[in-house]
Amino acid sequence: MATTAALRPLPVSDKDIAAYRRDGAVLIKNLLSRDELALLEAGIEQGREKPSAMYSRYQGSTGSGETIIDQLPSKRSPMLHRLLEESPVAELAARMMGTASAQLVLDQIFYKEAGEVVPTPWHQDTPFLNVRGNDLARIWLPCDPSPRDVAIQVVRGSHLWNVIYSTSATTSVEPSTVVKADEGDGFTYDGVGGDDLPPVPDIDAFSDSFDILSWDTEPGDAVVFHGNILHGARGLTGHPHRRRALAVLFGGPQLRYHIPAGHGMPLPGDGEAGSVPEGAPICEHPELFPVTWREN
């Protein structure tokens, strides 16, 4: 699966890489070509029309503001599989991490209908995952315009805090605001992560104490953020357009396998995880974490 050479120069500067490592997130404009953007949109629509057994559907407590999340769509969609193979997405992750390769850890579709925008509570991806370590880059690929007031936002520098927070929602978002309306029988978020972790700080209640980054994004852009960073999204009473995105999480070769409490996110490979010891580098297990890009 691995692409070994860049198909075209990456639109990334040393300044972008420094910002990612310092702040934990950076916006890269015009990463995808027109053809790659077409693959992204078609693959997401295919996933929306034919969800897997691992989908989850959320909505606001009033019944509006539907959000659909589906796991590992690139395993089912030839278009998204091709996008990850042929686009510069995986190479971008490796450049940001400073590694000679990038392995797939997780990919997800996020499909948010027009109308009410329900908030995404502040959280880390870390407690949900089957990996631990610093070489972990998430790439958010929108195929619709998204103004910063409803786009992803991050707490600058929080990837350097050396703490893993609970998967529970922050106190600033009432539990009744977002409800799970439906899910498939192949995966549930219930029971993911441990309950013995510290709670996420109430960032919204004390927003002046945190440096929060967000961006206006356009189709073809990429928001790259560290896998350990605190991130979320605001709610809005009404937004006129749907917002669709593919989020892809990559790891470097020295990222370590982690046996999660309860259960973790599904693994992208076809191998069996039962024999993998805690702390094994993922470079030793490409059957679980496929190599998507490798430097010549």
C-alpha atoms as a PDB file:
ATOM      1  CA  MET A   1       0.000   0.000   0.000  1.00  0.00           C
ATOM      2  CA  ALA A   2       2.893   2.358   0.665  1.00  0.00           C
ATOM      3  CA  THR A   3       3.699   5.200  -1.686  1.00  0.00           C
ATOM      4  CA  THR A   4       7.449   5.759  -1.720  1.00  0.00           C
ATOM      5  CA  ALA A   5       7.825   9.061  -3.544  1.00  0.00           C
ATOM      6  CA  ALA A   6       6.043  12.391  -3.640  1.00  0.00           C
ATOM      7  CA  LEU A   7       3.860  12.821  -6.712  1.00  0.00           C
ATOM      8  CA  ARG A   8       4.312  16.585  -6.530  1.00  0.00           C
ATOM      9  CA  PRO A   9       5.956  19.032  -4.141  1.00  0.00           C
ATOM     10  CA  LEU A  10       4.158  19.363  -0.837  1.00  0.00           C
ATOM     11  CA  PRO A  11       2.736  22.855  -0.172  1.00  0.00           C
ATOM     12  CA  VAL A  12       4.490  22.831   3.205  1.00  0.00           C
ATOM     13  CA  SER A  13       7.232  25.097   4.531  1.00  0.00           C
ATOM     14  CA  ASP A  14       9.667  24.760   7.410  1.00  0.00           C
ATOM     15  CA  LYS A  15       7.541  27.393   9.133  1.00  0.00           C
ATOM     16  CA  ASP A  16       4.469  25.138   8.858  1.00  0.00           C
ATOM     17  CA  ILE A  17       6.364  22.201  10.357  1.00  0.00           C
ATOM     18  CA  ALA A  18       7.683  24.369  13.194  1.00  0.00           C
ATOM     19  CA  ALA A  19       4.156  25.648  13.904  1.00  0.00           C
ATOM     20  CA  TYR A  20       2.801  22.105  14.026  1.00  0.00           C
ATOM     21  CA  ARG A  21       5.456  20.964  16.479  1.00  0.00           C
ATOM     22  CA  ARG A  22       5.161  24.088  18.655  1.00  0.00           C
ATOM     23  CA  ASP A  23       1.401  24.685  18.582  1.00  0.00           C
ATOM     24  CA  GLY A  24       0.165  21.184  17.838  1.00  0.00           C
ATOM     25  CA  ALA A  25      -1.818  22.202  14.760  1.00  0.00           C
ATOM     26  CA  VAL A  26      -1.482  24.032  11.454  1.00  0.00           C
ATOM     27  CA  LEU A  27      -3.641  24.767   8.408  1.00  0.00           C
ATOM     28  CA  ILE A  28      -2.239  23.677   5.035  1.00  0.00           C
ATOM     29  CA  LYS A  29      -3.997  25.371   2.125  1.00  0.00           C
ATOM     30  CA  ASN A  30      -4.754  23.598  -1.161  1.00  0.00           C
ATOM     31  CA  LEU A  31      -3.236  20.245  -0.271  1.00  0.00           C
ATOM     32  CA  LEU A  32      -5.526  18.237  -2.539  1.00  0.00           C
ATOM     33  CA  SER A  33      -5.809  18.576  -6.303  1.00  0.00           C
ATOM     34  CA  ARG A  34      -9.182  18.865  -8.013  1.00  0.00           C
ATOM     35  CA  ASP A  35      -9.126  15.148  -8.888  1.00  0.00           C
ATOM     36  CA  GLU A  36      -8.200  14.187  -5.320  1.00  0.00           C
ATOM     37  CA  LEU A  37     -10.985  16.370  -3.961  1.00  0.00           C
ATOM     38  CA  ALA A  38     -13.416  14.571  -6.279  1.00  0.00           C
ATOM     39  CA  LEU A  39     -12.251  11.229  -4.852  1.00  0.00           C
ATOM     40  CA  LEU A  40     -12.725  12.566  -1.321  1.00  0.00           C
ATOM     41  CA  GLU A  41     -16.258  13.786  -1.958  1.00  0.00           C
ATOM     42  CA  ALA A  42     -17.352  10.674  -3.856  1.00  0.00           C
ATOM     43  CA  GLY A  43     -15.908   8.386  -1.194  1.00  0.00           C
ATOM     44  CA  ILE A  44     -17.620  10.254   1.632  1.00  0.00           C
ATOM     45  CA  GLU A  45     -20.957  10.197  -0.192  1.00  0.00           C
ATOM     46  CA  GLN A  46     -20.540   6.482  -0.797  1.00  0.00           C
ATOM     47  CA  GLY A  47     -19.950   6.010   2.916  1.00  0.00           C
ATOM     48  CA  ARG A  48     -23.028   8.086   3.740  1.00  0.00           C
ATOM     49  CA  GLU A  49     -25.240   6.063   1.412  1.00  0.00           C
ATOM     50  CA  LYS A  50     -23.907   2.684   2.558  1.00  0.00           C
ATOM     51  CA  PRO A  51     -22.768   2.980   6.179  1.00  0.00           C
ATOM     52  CA  SER A  52     -20.825   0.156   7.757  1.00  0.00           C
ATOM     53  CA  ALA A  53     -21.704  -1.740  10.909  1.00  0.00           C
ATOM     54  CA  MET A  54     -19.345   0.662  12.735  1.00  0.00           C
ATOM     55  CA  TYR A  55     -21.309   3.862  12.117  1.00  0.00           C
ATOM     56  CA  SER A  56     -22.694   6.105  14.866  1.00  0.00           C
ATOM     57  CA  ARG A  57     -25.376   8.775  14.459  1.00  0.00           C
ATOM     58  CA  TYR A  58     -25.701  11.678  16.870  1.00  0.00           C
ATOM     59  CA  GLN A  59     -28.120  14.589  17.030  1.00  0.00           C
ATOM     60  CA  GLY A  60     -29.109  17.475  19.227  1.00  0.00           C
ATOM     61  CA  SER A  61     -31.590  16.884  22.021  1.00  0.00           C
ATOM     62  CA  THR A  62     -34.286  18.539  19.857  1.00  0.00           C
ATOM     63  CA  GLY A  63     -33.796  15.927  17.122  1.00  0.00           C
ATOM     64  CA  SER A  64     -31.934  18.194  14.694  1.00  0.00           C
ATOM     65  CA  GLY A  65     -28.251  18.671  13.967  1.00  0.00           C
ATOM     66  CA  GLU A  66     -27.488  15.169  12.748  1.00  0.00           C
ATOM     67  CA  THR A  67     -23.868  14.007  12.716  1.00  0.00           C
ATOM     68  CA  ILE A  68     -22.791  10.651  11.307  1.00  0.00           C
ATOM     69  CA  ILE A  69     -19.393   9.130  12.115  1.00  0.00           C
ATOM     70  CA  ASP A  70     -18.167   5.966  10.438  1.00  0.00           C
ATOM     71  CA  GLN A  71     -14.971   4.042  11.078  1.00  0.00           C
ATOM     72  CA  LEU A  72     -12.325   2.876   8.585  1.00  0.00           C
ATOM     73  CA  PRO A  73     -14.133   3.908   5.377  1.00  0.00           C
ATOM     74  CA  SER A  74     -10.941   3.540   3.319  1.00  0.00           C
ATOM     75  CA  LYS A  75     -11.156  -0.249   3.826  1.00  0.00           C
ATOM     76  CA  ARG A  76     -14.494  -0.289   1.986  1.00  0.00           C
ATOM     77  CA  SER A  77     -14.296   2.604  -0.462  1.00  0.00           C
ATOM     78  CA  PRO A  78     -11.967   2.181  -3.464  1.00  0.00           C
ATOM     79  CA  MET A  79     -12.053   5.960  -3.881  1.00  0.00           C
ATOM     80  CA  LEU A  80     -10.877   6.728  -0.352  1.00  0.00           C
ATOM     81  CA  HIS A  81      -8.335   3.906  -0.512  1.00  0.00           C
ATOM     82  CA  ARG A  82      -6.962   5.421  -3.709  1.00  0.00           C
ATOM     83  CA  LEU A  83      -6.931   8.875  -2.112  1.00  0.00           C
ATOM     84  CA  LEU A  84      -4.731   7.648   0.740  1.00  0.00           C
ATOM     85  CA  GLU A  85      -2.439   5.805  -1.671  1.00  0.00           C
ATOM     86  CA  GLU A  86      -2.008   8.480  -4.334  1.00  0.00           C
ATOM     87  CA  SER A  87      -2.454  11.847  -2.619  1.00  0.00           C
ATOM     88  CA  PRO A  88       0.205  13.596  -0.488  1.00  0.00           C
ATOM     89  CA  VAL A  89      -1.819  13.112   2.714  1.00  0.00           C
ATOM     90  CA  ALA A  90       0.367  10.395   4.260  1.00  0.00           C
ATOM     91  CA  GLU A  91       3.584  12.132   3.250  1.00  0.00           C
ATOM     92  CA  LEU A  92       2.306  15.323   4.866  1.00  0.00           C
ATOM     93  CA  ALA A  93       1.822  13.438   8.135  1.00  0.00           C
ATOM     94  CA  ALA A  94       5.347  12.008   7.959  1.00  0.00           C
ATOM     95  CA  ARG A  95       6.874  15.425   7.272  1.00  0.00           C
ATOM     96  CA  MET A  96       5.066  16.929  10.237  1.00  0.00           C
ATOM     97  CA  MET A  97       6.124  14.076  12.520  1.00  0.00           C
ATOM     98  CA  GLY A  98       9.684  14.091  11.155  1.00  0.00           C
ATOM     99  CA  THR A  99       9.574  10.372  10.354  1.00  0.00           C
ATOM    100  CA  ALA A 100      10.673   8.347   7.332  1.00  0.00           C
ATOM    101  CA  SER A 101       7.319   6.587   7.050  1.00  0.00           C
ATOM    102  CA  ALA A 102       3.664   6.937   7.985  1.00  0.00           C
ATOM    103  CA  GLN A 103       1.360   4.104   9.048  1.00  0.00           C
ATOM    104  CA  LEU A 104      -2.412   4.235   9.112  1.00  0.00           C
ATOM    105  CA  VAL A 105      -3.853   4.206  12.635  1.00  0.00           C
ATOM    106  CA  LEU A 106      -7.467   5.228  11.971  1.00  0.00           C
ATOM    107  CA  ASP A 107      -9.648   6.961   9.396  1.00  0.00           C
ATOM    108  CA  GLN A 108     -13.183   8.232   9.870  1.00  0.00           C
ATOM    109  CA  ILE A 109     -15.965   9.958   7.967  1.00  0.00           C
ATOM    110  CA  PHE A 110     -17.704  12.901   9.629  1.00  0.00           C
ATOM    111  CA  TYR A 111     -20.964  13.905   7.939  1.00  0.00           C
ATOM    112  CA  LYS A 112     -22.815  16.846   9.465  1.00  0.00           C
ATOM    113  CA  GLU A 113     -26.120  17.902   7.955  1.00  0.00           C
ATOM    114  CA  ALA A 114     -27.195  21.518   7.501  1.00  0.00           C
ATOM    115  CA  GLY A 115     -29.144  23.092  10.323  1.00  0.00           C
ATOM    116  CA  GLU A 116     -28.358  23.000  14.011  1.00  0.00           C
ATOM    117  CA  VAL A 117     -24.690  22.374  14.747  1.00  0.00           C
ATOM    118  CA  VAL A 118     -24.315  20.402  17.955  1.00  0.00           C
ATOM    119  CA  PRO A 119     -21.064  21.063  19.827  1.00  0.00           C
ATOM    120  CA  THR A 120     -18.238  18.564  19.934  1.00  0.00           C
ATOM    121  CA  PRO A 121     -16.951  18.523  23.525  1.00  0.00           C
ATOM    122  CA  TRP A 122     -13.287  19.215  24.153  1.00  0.00           C
ATOM    123  CA  HIS A 123     -11.378  15.941  24.095  1.00  0.00           C
ATOM    124  CA  GLN A 124      -8.198  14.176  23.073  1.00  0.00           C
ATOM    125  CA  ASP A 125      -8.112  11.298  20.630  1.00  0.00           C
ATOM    126  CA  THR A 126      -5.460   9.608  22.783  1.00  0.00           C
ATOM    127  CA  PRO A 127      -7.640   7.742  25.322  1.00  0.00           C
ATOM    128  CA  PHE A 128      -9.687   6.190  22.507  1.00  0.00           C
ATOM    129  CA  LEU A 129      -6.666   4.768  20.700  1.00  0.00           C
ATOM    130  CA  ASN A 130      -4.679   1.534  20.613  1.00  0.00           C
ATOM    131  CA  VAL A 131      -1.398   3.458  20.403  1.00  0.00           C
ATOM    132  CA  ARG A 132       0.685   5.772  22.574  1.00  0.00           C
ATOM    133  CA  GLY A 133       3.539   8.122  21.746  1.00  0.00           C
ATOM    134  CA  ASN A 134       4.494  11.430  20.213  1.00  0.00           C
ATOM    135  CA  ASP A 135       4.591  10.481  16.521  1.00  0.00           C
ATOM    136  CA  LEU A 136       0.878  10.815  15.912  1.00  0.00           C
ATOM    137  CA  ALA A 137      -0.622  13.193  13.334  1.00  0.00           C
ATOM    138  CA  ARG A 138      -4.294  13.668  12.503  1.00  0.00           C
ATOM    139  CA  ILE A 139      -5.232  15.167   9.126  1.00  0.00           C
ATOM    140  CA  TRP A 140      -8.698  16.671   8.720  1.00  0.00           C
ATOM    141  CA  LEU A 141      -9.778  16.895   5.068  1.00  0.00           C
ATOM    142  CA  PRO A 142     -12.968  18.933   4.514  1.00  0.00           C
ATOM    143  CA  CYS A 143     -14.851  18.800   1.236  1.00  0.00           C
ATOM    144  CA  ASP A 144     -17.147  21.728   2.116  1.00  0.00           C
ATOM    145  CA  PRO A 145     -16.372  25.293   3.217  1.00  0.00           C
ATOM    146  CA  SER A 146     -16.359  25.614   6.977  1.00  0.00           C
ATOM    147  CA  PRO A 147     -16.081  28.968   8.776  1.00  0.00           C
ATOM    148  CA  ARG A 148     -14.047  29.010  11.936  1.00  0.00           C
ATOM    149  CA  ASP A 149     -17.081  29.450  14.175  1.00  0.00           C
ATOM    150  CA  VAL A 150     -18.139  25.856  13.406  1.00  0.00           C
ATOM    151  CA  ALA A 151     -14.778  24.380  12.370  1.00  0.00           C
ATOM    152  CA  ILE A 152     -12.410  22.323  14.454  1.00  0.00           C
ATOM    153  CA  GLN A 153     -10.581  24.247  17.176  1.00  0.00           C
ATOM    154  CA  VAL A 154      -7.603  23.229  19.287  1.00  0.00           C
ATOM    155  CA  VAL A 155      -5.937  24.348  22.501  1.00  0.00           C
ATOM    156  CA  ARG A 156      -2.553  25.577  21.361  1.00  0.00           C
ATOM    157  CA  GLY A 157       0.326  23.595  22.848  1.00  0.00           C
ATOM    158  CA  SER A 158      -1.842  21.113  24.757  1.00  0.00           C
ATOM    159  CA  HIS A 159      -0.135  18.200  22.978  1.00  0.00           C
ATOM    160  CA  LEU A 160       2.908  19.020  25.152  1.00  0.00           C
ATOM    161  CA  TRP A 161       1.103  18.812  28.494  1.00  0.00           C
ATOM    162  CA  ASN A 162       2.041  15.143  29.018  1.00  0.00           C
ATOM    163  CA  VAL A 163      -1.388  14.141  30.319  1.00  0.00           C
ATOM    164  CA  ILE A 164      -4.138  11.879  29.009  1.00  0.00           C
ATOM    165  CA  TYR A 165      -7.654  12.981  29.920  1.00  0.00           C
ATOM    166  CA  SER A 166     -10.848  11.053  30.454  1.00  0.00           C
ATOM    167  CA  THR A 167     -13.128  10.421  27.484  1.00  0.00           C
ATOM    168  CA  SER A 168     -16.016  11.980  29.424  1.00  0.00           C
ATOM    169  CA  ALA A 169     -17.415  15.266  28.142  1.00  0.00           C
ATOM    170  CA  THR A 170     -16.352  18.543  29.710  1.00  0.00           C
ATOM    171  CA  THR A 171     -18.758  20.140  32.157  1.00  0.00           C
ATOM    172  CA  SER A 172     -19.411  23.089  29.832  1.00  0.00           C
ATOM    173  CA  VAL A 173     -21.390  20.834  27.461  1.00  0.00           C
ATOM    174  CA  GLU A 174     -24.492  19.436  29.088  1.00  0.00           C
ATOM    175  CA  PRO A 175     -24.897  15.697  28.482  1.00  0.00           C
ATOM    176  CA  SER A 176     -28.413  16.312  27.124  1.00  0.00           C
ATOM    177  CA  THR A 177     -27.080  18.612  24.376  1.00  0.00           C
ATOM    178  CA  VAL A 178     -25.862  15.716  22.218  1.00  0.00           C
ATOM    179  CA  VAL A 179     -27.540  12.323  22.151  1.00  0.00           C
ATOM    180  CA  LYS A 180     -26.693   9.091  20.367  1.00  0.00           C
ATOM    181  CA  ALA A 181     -29.582   8.387  18.043  1.00  0.00           C
ATOM    182  CA  ASP A 182     -28.387   5.167  16.456  1.00  0.00           C
ATOM    183  CA  GLU A 183     -25.341   2.979  15.878  1.00  0.00           C
ATOM    184  CA  GLY A 184     -24.354  -0.172  14.054  1.00  0.00           C
ATOM    185  CA  ASP A 185     -23.600  -3.443  15.764  1.00  0.00           C
ATOM    186  CA  GLY A 186     -19.916  -3.488  14.774  1.00  0.00           C
ATOM    187  CA  PHE A 187     -18.618  -0.761  17.090  1.00  0.00           C
ATOM    188  CA  THR A 188     -19.759   1.396  19.981  1.00  0.00           C
ATOM    189  CA  TYR A 189     -18.154   4.355  21.702  1.00  0.00           C
ATOM    190  CA  ASP A 190     -19.633   3.125  24.970  1.00  0.00           C
ATOM    191  CA  GLY A 191     -16.872   1.771  27.178  1.00  0.00           C
ATOM    192  CA  VAL A 192     -13.995   3.154  25.105  1.00  0.00           C
ATOM    193  CA  GLY A 193     -11.077   4.404  27.223  1.00  0.00           C
ATOM    194  CA  GLY A 194     -10.600   4.295  30.959  1.00  0.00           C
ATOM    195  CA  ASP A 195     -12.654   5.944  33.709  1.00  0.00           C
ATOM    196  CA  ASP A 196      -9.662   6.519  35.984  1.00  0.00           C
ATOM    197  CA  LEU A 197      -8.197   9.422  33.978  1.00  0.00           C
ATOM    198  CA  PRO A 198      -8.368  13.104  35.008  1.00  0.00           C
ATOM    199  CA  PRO A 199     -11.257  15.156  33.598  1.00  0.00           C
ATOM    200  CA  VAL A 200     -10.749  17.540  30.705  1.00  0.00           C
ATOM    201  CA  PRO A 201     -10.384  21.153  31.908  1.00  0.00           C
ATOM    202  CA  ASP A 202     -13.541  23.236  31.475  1.00  0.00           C
ATOM    203  CA  ILE A 203     -12.071  25.188  28.585  1.00  0.00           C
ATOM    204  CA  ASP A 204     -15.258  26.993  27.550  1.00  0.00           C
ATOM    205  CA  ALA A 205     -15.897  28.263  31.071  1.00  0.00           C
ATOM    206  CA  PHE A 206     -12.335  29.618  31.323  1.00  0.00           C
ATOM    207  CA  SER A 207     -11.625  30.361  27.667  1.00  0.00           C
ATOM    208  CA  ASP A 208      -9.547  33.445  28.501  1.00  0.00           C
ATOM    209  CA  SER A 209      -7.036  31.140  30.180  1.00  0.00           C
ATOM    210  CA  PHE A 210      -6.411  29.108  27.016  1.00  0.00           C
ATOM    211  CA  ASP A 211      -4.996  29.961  23.609  1.00  0.00           C
ATOM    212  CA  ILE A 212      -7.513  28.530  21.157  1.00  0.00           C
ATOM    213  CA  LEU A 213      -6.744  28.138  17.449  1.00  0.00           C
ATOM    214  CA  SER A 214      -9.274  27.737  14.642  1.00  0.00           C
ATOM    215  CA  TRP A 215      -9.358  28.432  10.919  1.00  0.00           C
ATOM    216  CA  ASP A 216     -11.691  29.106   8.022  1.00  0.00           C
ATOM    217  CA  THR A 217     -11.271  26.067   5.776  1.00  0.00           C
ATOM    218  CA  GLU A 218     -12.067  25.397   2.126  1.00  0.00           C
ATOM    219  CA  PRO A 219     -12.373  22.174   0.126  1.00  0.00           C
ATOM    220  CA  GLY A 220      -8.893  20.812  -0.565  1.00  0.00           C
ATOM    221  CA  ASP A 221      -7.376  22.301   2.588  1.00  0.00           C
ATOM    222  CA  ALA A 222      -5.997  20.179   5.409  1.00  0.00           C
ATOM    223  CA  VAL A 223      -5.905  20.884   9.126  1.00  0.00           C
ATOM    224  CA  VAL A 224      -3.045  18.878  10.622  1.00  0.00           C
ATOM    225  CA  PHE A 225      -3.125  18.436  14.374  1.00  0.00           C
ATOM    226  CA  HIS A 226      -1.260  16.306  16.863  1.00  0.00           C
ATOM    227  CA  GLY A 227      -3.015  13.142  17.979  1.00  0.00           C
ATOM    228  CA  ASN A 228      -2.620  14.115  21.641  1.00  0.00           C
ATOM    229  CA  ILE A 229      -3.989  17.667  21.388  1.00  0.00           C
ATOM    230  CA  LEU A 230      -7.215  18.881  22.996  1.00  0.00           C
ATOM    231  CA  HIS A 231      -9.742  19.774  20.310  1.00  0.00           C
ATOM    232  CA  GLY A 232     -13.463  20.282  19.816  1.00  0.00           C
ATOM    233  CA  ALA A 233     -16.007  22.373  17.920  1.00  0.00           C
ATOM    234  CA  ARG A 234     -18.601  24.954  18.870  1.00  0.00           C
ATOM    235  CA  GLY A 235     -22.330  24.585  18.494  1.00  0.00           C
ATOM    236  CA  LEU A 236     -24.518  26.888  16.408  1.00  0.00           C
ATOM    237  CA  THR A 237     -28.274  27.358  16.218  1.00  0.00           C
ATOM    238  CA  GLY A 238     -28.259  27.047  12.439  1.00  0.00           C
ATOM    239  CA  HIS A 239     -25.791  26.549   9.596  1.00  0.00           C
ATOM    240  CA  PRO A 240     -26.988  26.632   5.969  1.00  0.00           C
ATOM    241  CA  HIS A 241     -24.702  23.958   4.545  1.00  0.00           C
ATOM    242  CA  ARG A 242     -23.741  20.379   5.261  1.00  0.00           C
ATOM    243  CA  ARG A 243     -20.117  19.740   6.265  1.00  0.00           C
ATOM    244  CA  ARG A 244     -18.325  16.580   5.266  1.00  0.00           C
ATOM    245  CA  ALA A 245     -14.795  15.532   6.100  1.00  0.00           C
ATOM    246  CA  LEU A 246     -12.416  12.601   6.205  1.00  0.00           C
ATOM    247  CA  ALA A 247     -10.165  12.494   9.261  1.00  0.00           C
ATOM    248  CA  VAL A 248      -7.072  10.305   8.970  1.00  0.00           C
ATOM    249  CA  LEU A 249      -4.714   9.461  11.827  1.00  0.00           C
ATOM    250  CA  PHE A 250      -1.145   8.422  11.026  1.00  0.00           C
ATOM    251  CA  GLY A 251       1.648   7.163  13.235  1.00  0.00           C
ATOM    252  CA  GLY A 252       5.409   7.075  12.911  1.00  0.00           C
ATOM    253  CA  PRO A 253       7.377   3.811  13.157  1.00  0.00           C
ATOM    254  CA  GLN A 254       8.216   4.221  16.853  1.00  0.00           C
ATOM    255  CA  LEU A 255       4.633   4.806  17.948  1.00  0.00           C
ATOM    256  CA  ARG A 256       3.799   2.087  20.492  1.00  0.00           C
ATOM    257  CA  TYR A 257       0.940  -0.373  20.567  1.00  0.00           C
ATOM    258  CA  HIS A 258      -1.313   0.055  23.599  1.00  0.00           C
ATOM    259  CA  ILE A 259      -3.785  -2.431  25.032  1.00  0.00           C
ATOM    260  CA  PRO A 260      -6.669  -0.139  26.017  1.00  0.00           C
ATOM    261  CA  ALA A 261      -8.865  -0.381  29.059  1.00  0.00           C
ATOM    262  CA  GLY A 262     -12.291  -1.575  28.009  1.00  0.00           C
ATOM    263  CA  HIS A 263     -12.012  -1.478  24.247  1.00  0.00           C
ATOM    264  CA  GLY A 264     -10.347   0.872  21.780  1.00  0.00           C
ATOM    265  CA  MET A 265     -10.986   2.067  18.270  1.00  0.00           C
ATOM    266  CA  PRO A 266     -10.995  -0.540  15.486  1.00  0.00           C
ATOM    267  CA  LEU A 267      -7.646  -1.281  13.859  1.00  0.00           C
ATOM    268  CA  PRO A 268      -7.098  -0.522  10.168  1.00  0.00           C
ATOM    269  CA  GLY A 269      -5.233  -3.721   9.280  1.00  0.00           C
ATOM    270  CA  ASP A 270      -6.446  -7.275   8.904  1.00  0.00           C
ATOM    271  CA  GLY A 271      -4.090  -8.913  11.409  1.00  0.00           C
ATOM    272  CA  GLU A 272      -4.928 -10.201  14.882  1.00  0.00           C
ATOM    273  CA  ALA A 273      -3.975  -7.894  17.754  1.00  0.00           C
ATOM    274  CA  GLY A 274      -4.156 -10.537  20.475  1.00  0.00           C
ATOM    275  CA  SER A 275      -0.515 -11.580  20.202  1.00  0.00           C
ATOM    276  CA  VAL A 276       0.936  -8.051  20.083  1.00  0.00           C
ATOM    277  CA  PRO A 277       2.593  -7.100  23.397  1.00  0.00           C
ATOM    278  CA  GLU A 278       2.018  -3.794  25.137  1.00  0.00           C
ATOM    279  CA  GLY A 279       4.571  -1.231  23.979  1.00  0.00           C
ATOM    280  CA  ALA A 280       5.553  -2.933  20.716  1.00  0.00           C
ATOM    281  CA  PRO A 281       6.520  -0.378  18.021  1.00  0.00           C
ATOM    282  CA  ILE A 282       3.938  -0.309  15.252  1.00  0.00           C
ATOM    283  CA  CYS A 283       6.680  -0.634  12.603  1.00  0.00           C
ATOM    284  CA  GLU A 284       6.875  -4.290  13.663  1.00  0.00           C
ATOM    285  CA  HIS A 285       3.171  -4.796  12.935  1.00  0.00           C
ATOM    286  CA  PRO A 286       2.234  -3.460   9.495  1.00  0.00           C
ATOM    287  CA  GLU A 287      -0.463  -6.143   9.376  1.00  0.00           C
ATOM    288  CA  LEU A 288      -2.319  -4.028  11.960  1.00  0.00           C
ATOM    289  CA  PHE A 289      -1.109  -0.565  10.937  1.00  0.00           C
ATOM    290  CA  PRO A 290      -0.528  -0.531   7.146  1.00  0.00           C
ATOM    291  CA  VAL A 291       2.376   1.550   5.849  1.00  0.00           C
ATOM    292  CA  THR A 292       0.862   4.275   3.659  1.00  0.00           C
ATOM    293  CA  TRP A 293       4.001   6.259   2.809  1.00  0.00           C
ATOM    294  CA  ARG A 294       7.700   5.521   2.951  1.00  0.00           C
ATOM    295  CA  GLU A 295      10.647   7.727   2.073  1.00  0.00           C
ATOM    296  CA  ASN A 296      12.956   6.480  -0.675  1.00  0.00           C
END
